[in-house]
Protein backbone atom coordinates (compact mmCIF):
# COMPACT_ATOMS: atom_id res chain seq x y z
CA MET A 1 0.00 0.00 0.00
CA ALA A 2 1.57 3.27 -1.09
CA THR A 3 1.12 6.15 1.35
CA ASN A 4 2.70 9.58 1.54
CA LEU A 5 4.04 10.46 4.99
CA GLU A 6 5.57 13.60 6.48
CA ILE A 7 8.36 12.33 8.74
CA SER A 8 11.20 14.29 10.29
CA SER A 9 14.29 13.60 8.17
CA ALA A 10 16.58 13.58 11.19
CA LEU A 11 14.37 11.14 13.10
CA PHE A 12 13.92 8.92 10.06
CA ASN A 13 17.64 8.83 9.24
CA GLU A 14 18.44 8.01 12.87
CA ALA A 15 15.96 5.12 12.87
CA VAL A 16 17.34 3.72 9.60
CA GLU A 17 20.91 3.95 10.88
CA LEU A 18 20.25 2.50 14.34
CA GLY A 19 18.05 -0.28 12.98
CA LYS A 20 20.47 -1.01 10.13
CA HIS A 21 17.51 -1.18 7.74
CA ARG A 22 18.22 -1.63 4.04
CA SER A 23 15.24 0.39 2.85
CA LYS A 24 12.82 3.06 3.97
CA SER A 25 9.99 0.54 3.83
CA ALA A 26 11.88 -1.83 6.13
CA ALA A 27 12.45 0.95 8.66
CA ILE A 28 8.79 1.94 8.65
CA GLU A 29 7.60 -1.66 8.92
CA ALA A 30 9.96 -2.29 11.85
CA ALA A 31 8.72 0.84 13.61
CA LEU A 32 5.08 -0.13 13.14
CA ASN A 33 5.75 -3.67 14.39
CA TYR A 34 7.50 -2.29 17.47
CA PHE A 35 4.68 0.18 18.13
CA SER A 36 2.00 -2.48 17.73
CA ARG A 37 3.78 -4.95 20.04
CA SER A 38 4.22 -2.19 22.59
CA LEU A 39 0.48 -1.44 22.59
CA VAL A 40 -0.40 -5.13 22.88
CA THR A 41 1.97 -5.52 25.82
CA THR A 42 0.55 -2.43 27.52
CA ALA A 43 -3.00 -3.66 27.00
CA SER A 44 -2.10 -7.13 28.32
CA THR A 45 -0.56 -5.80 31.53
CA SER A 46 -3.59 -3.63 32.25
CA PHE A 47 -5.56 -6.79 33.10
CA PHE A 48 -3.43 -7.35 36.18
CA PRO A 49 -4.12 -5.02 39.13
CA LYS A 50 -1.15 -3.27 40.71
CA GLU A 51 -0.52 -4.16 44.32
């Protein structure tokens, strides 16, 4: 799916470099996977009450 995004060049370049991604698409996909897993983990832990 082609989508136009406005992303900070500095932030994007840092993510590509740190993640050692070979393409822009790979960097974006990795970021979305990370974000999604983070939300799932947060939602999962909210089922357990804090003592």
